[in-house]
Amino acid sequence: MRYLTFALAKGRLADKSLQMFNRIGITCREMEDKTSRKLIFTNEELGIRFFLAKAGDVPTYVEYGAADIGIVGKDTILEEGRRLYEVLDLGIGRCRMCVCGPESARELLLHHELIRVATKYPAIAKDYFYNKKHQTVEIIRLGGSIELAPIVGLSEVIVDIVETGSTLRENGLAILEEVCPLSARMVVNQVSMKRENQRITGIIRQMQELVGKQS
């Protein structure tokens, strides 16, 4: 039996998804050792392996078959645009991708003005403004605190993930438009889905039942 390999986005998402896997009997004792320097964690008995990766790399590992199954946020799936199967919404890590800015920018959005948009997610921002709103914008890619951009005049608005909105409020910004809801998703390599169909669909079915109980 070949290993089924899982790629998990590092951080809280990995912890929460591991808890879910534990509840359906997919365990990996090696991962409980937080001091371990290992990169790949194995459960020989179940024939499974786990590794942790930067969120943006998870879809790449899955597309190229280095991982059969990945757990990653919908924002990363949309931004990366990889060829894979998105099979399940796990219902964890819920938040929203939004257009945010000062209230004065609301009119600019309503009248489809040419504006600058700062974001960590240029592909998502471009798709939203060009394909859904049909508004021409200049997209500026940033890697740090996106909220700073409209405050210092780099952009009129930002496109970013919003959980509670407290950071926005503290800096005089507001949600102006919602782009899409986000949460953690299970993704599967297209070849693995054919080759390991029985094992993978079994896991999907168990996780679906677990999500149903939690909702």
C-alpha atoms as a PDB file:
ATOM      1  CA  MET A   1       0.000   0.000   0.000  1.00  0.00           C
ATOM      2  CA  ARG A   2       1.507   3.340  -1.044  1.00  0.00           C
ATOM      3  CA  TYR A   3       1.466   6.256   1.342  1.00  0.00           C
ATOM      4  CA  LEU A   4      -1.290   8.838   1.129  1.00  0.00           C
ATOM      5  CA  THR A   5       0.449  12.169   1.649  1.00  0.00           C
ATOM      6  CA  PHE A   6      -1.248  15.186   3.242  1.00  0.00           C
ATOM      7  CA  ALA A   7       0.063  18.762   2.931  1.00  0.00           C
ATOM      8  CA  LEU A   8      -1.243  21.087   5.641  1.00  0.00           C
ATOM      9  CA  ALA A   9      -0.963  24.879   5.711  1.00  0.00           C
ATOM     10  CA  LYS A  10       1.200  25.788   8.724  1.00  0.00           C
ATOM     11  CA  GLY A  11      -0.274  27.429  11.812  1.00  0.00           C
ATOM     12  CA  ARG A  12      -3.763  27.397  13.303  1.00  0.00           C
ATOM     13  CA  LEU A  13      -5.222  25.779  10.189  1.00  0.00           C
ATOM     14  CA  ALA A  14      -2.910  22.766  10.530  1.00  0.00           C
ATOM     15  CA  ASP A  15      -3.798  22.391  14.228  1.00  0.00           C
ATOM     16  CA  LYS A  16      -7.546  22.563  13.561  1.00  0.00           C
ATOM     17  CA  SER A  17      -7.442  20.194  10.585  1.00  0.00           C
ATOM     18  CA  LEU A  18      -5.332  17.678  12.546  1.00  0.00           C
ATOM     19  CA  GLN A  19      -7.987  17.744  15.279  1.00  0.00           C
ATOM     20  CA  MET A  20     -10.598  16.916  12.638  1.00  0.00           C
ATOM     21  CA  PHE A  21      -8.491  14.086  11.193  1.00  0.00           C
ATOM     22  CA  ASN A  22      -7.982  12.690  14.706  1.00  0.00           C
ATOM     23  CA  ARG A  23     -11.745  12.538  15.158  1.00  0.00           C
ATOM     24  CA  ILE A  24     -12.122  10.273  12.116  1.00  0.00           C
ATOM     25  CA  GLY A  25      -9.233   8.030  13.203  1.00  0.00           C
ATOM     26  CA  ILE A  26      -6.473   9.520  11.052  1.00  0.00           C
ATOM     27  CA  THR A  27      -3.789  10.117  13.646  1.00  0.00           C
ATOM     28  CA  CYS A  28      -0.084  10.853  13.577  1.00  0.00           C
ATOM     29  CA  ARG A  29       1.642  10.611  16.953  1.00  0.00           C
ATOM     30  CA  GLU A  30       4.914  11.979  15.547  1.00  0.00           C
ATOM     31  CA  MET A  31       3.216  15.351  14.995  1.00  0.00           C
ATOM     32  CA  GLU A  32       2.375  15.710  18.694  1.00  0.00           C
ATOM     33  CA  ASP A  33       6.058  16.358  19.451  1.00  0.00           C
ATOM     34  CA  LYS A  34       6.266  20.132  18.971  1.00  0.00           C
ATOM     35  CA  THR A  35      10.067  20.096  19.416  1.00  0.00           C
ATOM     36  CA  SER A  36      10.616  17.720  16.489  1.00  0.00           C
ATOM     37  CA  ARG A  37      12.723  19.008  13.593  1.00  0.00           C
ATOM     38  CA  LYS A  38      11.316  16.404  11.214  1.00  0.00           C
ATOM     39  CA  LEU A  39       9.794  17.594   7.962  1.00  0.00           C
ATOM     40  CA  ILE A  40       7.654  14.543   7.192  1.00  0.00           C
ATOM     41  CA  PHE A  41       5.555  12.740   9.810  1.00  0.00           C
ATOM     42  CA  THR A  42       4.446   9.170   9.181  1.00  0.00           C
ATOM     43  CA  ASN A  43       1.866   6.731  10.498  1.00  0.00           C
ATOM     44  CA  GLU A  44       3.144   3.420   9.105  1.00  0.00           C
ATOM     45  CA  GLU A  45       0.101   1.507  10.304  1.00  0.00           C
ATOM     46  CA  LEU A  46      -2.340   3.674   8.317  1.00  0.00           C
ATOM     47  CA  GLY A  47       0.033   4.221   5.397  1.00  0.00           C
ATOM     48  CA  ILE A  48      -0.185   8.006   5.620  1.00  0.00           C
ATOM     49  CA  ARG A  49       2.293  10.889   5.758  1.00  0.00           C
ATOM     50  CA  PHE A  50       1.844  14.516   6.768  1.00  0.00           C
ATOM     51  CA  PHE A  51       3.979  17.549   6.113  1.00  0.00           C
ATOM     52  CA  LEU A  52       3.526  21.224   6.946  1.00  0.00           C
ATOM     53  CA  ALA A  53       4.011  23.871   4.262  1.00  0.00           C
ATOM     54  CA  LYS A  54       3.582  27.578   3.744  1.00  0.00           C
ATOM     55  CA  ALA A  55      -0.064  28.137   2.750  1.00  0.00           C
ATOM     56  CA  GLY A  56       0.835  29.488  -0.693  1.00  0.00           C
ATOM     57  CA  ASP A  57       2.851  26.333  -1.463  1.00  0.00           C
ATOM     58  CA  VAL A  58       0.151  23.775  -0.562  1.00  0.00           C
ATOM     59  CA  PRO A  59      -1.741  23.988  -3.915  1.00  0.00           C
ATOM     60  CA  THR A  60       1.592  23.585  -5.760  1.00  0.00           C
ATOM     61  CA  TYR A  61       2.483  20.422  -3.828  1.00  0.00           C
ATOM     62  CA  VAL A  62      -0.983  19.033  -4.563  1.00  0.00           C
ATOM     63  CA  GLU A  63      -1.056  19.959  -8.263  1.00  0.00           C
ATOM     64  CA  TYR A  64       2.311  18.298  -8.905  1.00  0.00           C
ATOM     65  CA  GLY A  65       1.448  15.162  -6.905  1.00  0.00           C
ATOM     66  CA  ALA A  66       3.975  15.669  -4.095  1.00  0.00           C
ATOM     67  CA  ALA A  67       0.875  15.570  -1.870  1.00  0.00           C
ATOM     68  CA  ASP A  68      -2.319  13.639  -2.591  1.00  0.00           C
ATOM     69  CA  ILE A  69      -4.488  15.795  -0.314  1.00  0.00           C
ATOM     70  CA  GLY A  70      -4.051  19.360   0.910  1.00  0.00           C
ATOM     71  CA  ILE A  71      -5.776  21.537   3.486  1.00  0.00           C
ATOM     72  CA  VAL A  72      -5.583  25.253   2.723  1.00  0.00           C
ATOM     73  CA  GLY A  73      -7.661  28.424   2.756  1.00  0.00           C
ATOM     74  CA  LYS A  74      -9.962  29.297  -0.143  1.00  0.00           C
ATOM     75  CA  ASP A  75      -8.064  32.589  -0.551  1.00  0.00           C
ATOM     76  CA  THR A  76      -4.880  30.657  -1.419  1.00  0.00           C
ATOM     77  CA  ILE A  77      -6.735  28.373  -3.845  1.00  0.00           C
ATOM     78  CA  LEU A  78      -8.194  31.376  -5.678  1.00  0.00           C
ATOM     79  CA  GLU A  79      -4.900  33.274  -5.718  1.00  0.00           C
ATOM     80  CA  GLU A  80      -2.745  30.352  -6.879  1.00  0.00           C
ATOM     81  CA  GLY A  81      -5.137  29.064  -9.568  1.00  0.00           C
ATOM     82  CA  ARG A  82      -3.670  25.549  -9.586  1.00  0.00           C
ATOM     83  CA  ARG A  83      -5.193  22.519 -11.307  1.00  0.00           C
ATOM     84  CA  LEU A  84      -6.667  20.400  -8.533  1.00  0.00           C
ATOM     85  CA  TYR A  85      -9.992  19.199  -7.203  1.00  0.00           C
ATOM     86  CA  GLU A  86     -11.560  21.257  -4.425  1.00  0.00           C
ATOM     87  CA  VAL A  87     -13.632  18.580  -2.718  1.00  0.00           C
ATOM     88  CA  LEU A  88     -14.812  19.867   0.663  1.00  0.00           C
ATOM     89  CA  ASP A  89     -15.427  23.020   2.686  1.00  0.00           C
ATOM     90  CA  LEU A  90     -14.193  22.144   6.183  1.00  0.00           C
ATOM     91  CA  GLY A  91     -16.056  25.067   7.755  1.00  0.00           C
ATOM     92  CA  ILE A  92     -13.043  26.195   9.795  1.00  0.00           C
ATOM     93  CA  GLY A  93     -11.150  29.476   9.578  1.00  0.00           C
ATOM     94  CA  ARG A  94     -14.202  31.345   8.305  1.00  0.00           C
ATOM     95  CA  CYS A  95     -13.601  34.928   7.197  1.00  0.00           C
ATOM     96  CA  ARG A  96     -14.235  37.194   4.175  1.00  0.00           C
ATOM     97  CA  MET A  97     -12.252  38.731   1.355  1.00  0.00           C
ATOM     98  CA  CYS A  98     -13.339  42.365   1.182  1.00  0.00           C
ATOM     99  CA  VAL A  99     -12.715  45.695  -0.478  1.00  0.00           C
ATOM    100  CA  CYS A 100     -11.931  48.105   2.354  1.00  0.00           C
ATOM    101  CA  GLY A 101     -11.062  51.761   2.675  1.00  0.00           C
ATOM    102  CA  PRO A 102     -12.226  55.081   4.087  1.00  0.00           C
ATOM    103  CA  GLU A 103     -15.929  55.916   3.671  1.00  0.00           C
ATOM    104  CA  SER A 104     -14.934  58.571   1.124  1.00  0.00           C
ATOM    105  CA  ALA A 105     -13.854  55.791  -1.273  1.00  0.00           C
ATOM    106  CA  ARG A 106     -17.382  54.308  -1.448  1.00  0.00           C
ATOM    107  CA  GLU A 107     -18.394  56.809  -4.140  1.00  0.00           C
ATOM    108  CA  LEU A 108     -15.345  55.907  -6.244  1.00  0.00           C
ATOM    109  CA  LEU A 109     -16.458  52.276  -6.233  1.00  0.00           C
ATOM    110  CA  LEU A 110     -20.062  53.152  -7.053  1.00  0.00           C
ATOM    111  CA  HIS A 111     -19.054  55.269 -10.043  1.00  0.00           C
ATOM    112  CA  HIS A 112     -16.402  52.834 -11.316  1.00  0.00           C
ATOM    113  CA  GLU A 113     -13.634  55.430 -11.076  1.00  0.00           C
ATOM    114  CA  LEU A 114     -10.048  54.559 -12.000  1.00  0.00           C
ATOM    115  CA  ILE A 115      -8.515  53.856  -8.594  1.00  0.00           C
ATOM    116  CA  ARG A 116      -5.493  52.176  -7.063  1.00  0.00           C
ATOM    117  CA  VAL A 117      -6.022  48.953  -5.103  1.00  0.00           C
ATOM    118  CA  ALA A 118      -3.375  47.635  -2.686  1.00  0.00           C
ATOM    119  CA  THR A 119      -3.453  43.923  -1.865  1.00  0.00           C
ATOM    120  CA  LYS A 120      -1.575  40.726  -1.068  1.00  0.00           C
ATOM    121  CA  TYR A 121      -3.964  38.997  -3.467  1.00  0.00           C
ATOM    122  CA  PRO A 122      -3.515  40.545  -6.939  1.00  0.00           C
ATOM    123  CA  ALA A 123      -5.175  37.652  -8.819  1.00  0.00           C
ATOM    124  CA  ILE A 124      -8.303  37.793  -6.638  1.00  0.00           C
ATOM    125  CA  ALA A 125      -8.441  41.599  -6.829  1.00  0.00           C
ATOM    126  CA  LYS A 126      -8.000  41.599 -10.601  1.00  0.00           C
ATOM    127  CA  ASP A 127     -10.718  38.974 -11.104  1.00  0.00           C
ATOM    128  CA  TYR A 128     -13.133  40.877  -8.872  1.00  0.00           C
ATOM    129  CA  PHE A 129     -12.655  44.321 -10.394  1.00  0.00           C
ATOM    130  CA  TYR A 130     -12.175  43.312 -14.032  1.00  0.00           C
ATOM    131  CA  ASN A 131     -14.519  40.333 -14.384  1.00  0.00           C
ATOM    132  CA  LYS A 132     -17.245  40.952 -11.783  1.00  0.00           C
ATOM    133  CA  LYS A 133     -17.399  44.749 -11.419  1.00  0.00           C
ATOM    134  CA  HIS A 134     -16.011  45.646 -14.866  1.00  0.00           C
ATOM    135  CA  GLN A 135     -14.028  48.442 -13.262  1.00  0.00           C
ATOM    136  CA  THR A 136     -10.538  49.363 -14.433  1.00  0.00           C
ATOM    137  CA  VAL A 137      -8.122  49.683 -11.524  1.00  0.00           C
ATOM    138  CA  GLU A 138      -4.385  49.811 -10.888  1.00  0.00           C
ATOM    139  CA  ILE A 139      -3.392  46.936  -8.617  1.00  0.00           C
ATOM    140  CA  ILE A 140      -0.431  47.413  -6.271  1.00  0.00           C
ATOM    141  CA  ARG A 141       0.981  44.286  -4.664  1.00  0.00           C
ATOM    142  CA  LEU A 142       2.091  44.628  -1.027  1.00  0.00           C
ATOM    143  CA  GLY A 143       3.385  42.096   1.469  1.00  0.00           C
ATOM    144  CA  GLY A 144       2.996  43.881   4.814  1.00  0.00           C
ATOM    145  CA  SER A 145       0.229  45.741   6.615  1.00  0.00           C
ATOM    146  CA  ILE A 146      -2.215  46.442   3.790  1.00  0.00           C
ATOM    147  CA  GLU A 147      -4.307  48.805   5.971  1.00  0.00           C
ATOM    148  CA  LEU A 148      -1.465  51.321   5.785  1.00  0.00           C
ATOM    149  CA  ALA A 149      -1.881  51.877   2.009  1.00  0.00           C
ATOM    150  CA  PRO A 150      -5.033  54.082   2.004  1.00  0.00           C
ATOM    151  CA  ILE A 151      -3.946  55.889   5.173  1.00  0.00           C
ATOM    152  CA  VAL A 152      -0.697  57.146   3.608  1.00  0.00           C
ATOM    153  CA  GLY A 153      -2.255  57.708   0.174  1.00  0.00           C
ATOM    154  CA  LEU A 154      -0.665  54.812  -1.712  1.00  0.00           C
ATOM    155  CA  SER A 155      -4.112  53.532  -2.747  1.00  0.00           C
ATOM    156  CA  GLU A 156      -7.772  54.485  -2.463  1.00  0.00           C
ATOM    157  CA  VAL A 157      -8.843  51.012  -1.278  1.00  0.00           C
ATOM    158  CA  ILE A 158      -7.430  47.622  -0.317  1.00  0.00           C
ATOM    159  CA  VAL A 159      -8.522  44.031  -0.965  1.00  0.00           C
ATOM    160  CA  ASP A 160      -7.784  41.905   2.083  1.00  0.00           C
ATOM    161  CA  ILE A 161      -9.042  39.201   4.427  1.00  0.00           C
ATOM    162  CA  VAL A 162     -11.347  40.438   7.193  1.00  0.00           C
ATOM    163  CA  GLU A 163     -12.100  38.391  10.307  1.00  0.00           C
ATOM    164  CA  THR A 164     -13.473  40.757  12.952  1.00  0.00           C
ATOM    165  CA  GLY A 165     -12.838  44.119  11.276  1.00  0.00           C
ATOM    166  CA  SER A 166     -11.329  45.590  14.470  1.00  0.00           C
ATOM    167  CA  THR A 167      -8.024  46.559  12.775  1.00  0.00           C
ATOM    168  CA  LEU A 168      -9.984  48.394  10.076  1.00  0.00           C
ATOM    169  CA  ARG A 169     -12.094  50.308  12.595  1.00  0.00           C
ATOM    170  CA  GLU A 170      -9.067  51.286  14.675  1.00  0.00           C
ATOM    171  CA  ASN A 171      -7.538  52.847  11.568  1.00  0.00           C
ATOM    172  CA  GLY A 172     -10.628  54.655  10.293  1.00  0.00           C
ATOM    173  CA  LEU A 173     -11.375  52.142   7.540  1.00  0.00           C
ATOM    174  CA  ALA A 174     -14.529  50.179   6.750  1.00  0.00           C
ATOM    175  CA  ILE A 175     -15.692  47.223   4.652  1.00  0.00           C
ATOM    176  CA  LEU A 176     -17.002  48.750   1.424  1.00  0.00           C
ATOM    177  CA  GLU A 177     -17.751  45.605  -0.614  1.00  0.00           C
ATOM    178  CA  GLU A 178     -17.527  41.856  -0.020  1.00  0.00           C
ATOM    179  CA  VAL A 179     -15.571  39.896  -2.620  1.00  0.00           C
ATOM    180  CA  CYS A 180     -16.238  36.351  -1.363  1.00  0.00           C
ATOM    181  CA  PRO A 181     -16.562  34.215   1.788  1.00  0.00           C
ATOM    182  CA  LEU A 182     -13.496  32.189   2.789  1.00  0.00           C
ATOM    183  CA  SER A 183     -12.775  29.074   4.831  1.00  0.00           C
ATOM    184  CA  ALA A 184     -10.449  26.066   4.861  1.00  0.00           C
ATOM    185  CA  ARG A 185     -10.896  23.612   1.982  1.00  0.00           C
ATOM    186  CA  MET A 186      -9.723  20.091   1.221  1.00  0.00           C
ATOM    187  CA  VAL A 187      -8.070  19.777  -2.183  1.00  0.00           C
ATOM    188  CA  VAL A 188      -6.996  16.623  -4.019  1.00  0.00           C
ATOM    189  CA  ASN A 189      -4.488  15.883  -6.754  1.00  0.00           C
ATOM    190  CA  GLN A 190      -6.304  14.975  -9.982  1.00  0.00           C
ATOM    191  CA  VAL A 191      -4.258  11.815 -10.660  1.00  0.00           C
ATOM    192  CA  SER A 192      -4.450  10.672  -7.024  1.00  0.00           C
ATOM    193  CA  MET A 193      -8.244  10.948  -7.173  1.00  0.00           C
ATOM    194  CA  LYS A 194      -8.237   8.305  -9.907  1.00  0.00           C
ATOM    195  CA  ARG A 195      -5.416   6.136  -8.563  1.00  0.00           C
ATOM    196  CA  GLU A 196      -6.499   6.141  -4.909  1.00  0.00           C
ATOM    197  CA  ASN A 197     -10.200   6.787  -5.438  1.00  0.00           C
ATOM    198  CA  GLN A 198     -11.494   4.388  -2.813  1.00  0.00           C
ATOM    199  CA  ARG A 199      -9.213   5.579  -0.008  1.00  0.00           C
ATOM    200  CA  ILE A 200      -9.616   9.271  -0.799  1.00  0.00           C
ATOM    201  CA  THR A 201     -13.395   9.231  -1.267  1.00  0.00           C
ATOM    202  CA  GLY A 202     -13.643   7.312   2.014  1.00  0.00           C
ATOM    203  CA  ILE A 203     -11.762  10.102   3.810  1.00  0.00           C
ATOM    204  CA  ILE A 204     -13.877  12.780   2.104  1.00  0.00           C
ATOM    205  CA  ARG A 205     -17.071  11.011   3.153  1.00  0.00           C
ATOM    206  CA  GLN A 206     -15.948  10.734   6.798  1.00  0.00           C
ATOM    207  CA  MET A 207     -14.913  14.395   6.853  1.00  0.00           C
ATOM    208  CA  GLN A 208     -18.246  15.415   5.291  1.00  0.00           C
ATOM    209  CA  GLU A 209     -20.089  13.617   8.090  1.00  0.00           C
ATOM    210  CA  LEU A 210     -17.883  15.324  10.692  1.00  0.00           C
ATOM    211  CA  VAL A 211     -18.466  18.771   9.158  1.00  0.00           C
ATOM    212  CA  GLY A 212     -22.213  18.054   9.105  1.00  0.00           C
ATOM    213  CA  LYS A 213     -22.165  17.256  12.835  1.00  0.00           C
ATOM    214  CA  GLN A 214     -20.186  20.399  13.656  1.00  0.00           C
ATOM    215  CA  SER A 215     -22.386  22.811  11.690  1.00  0.00           C
END
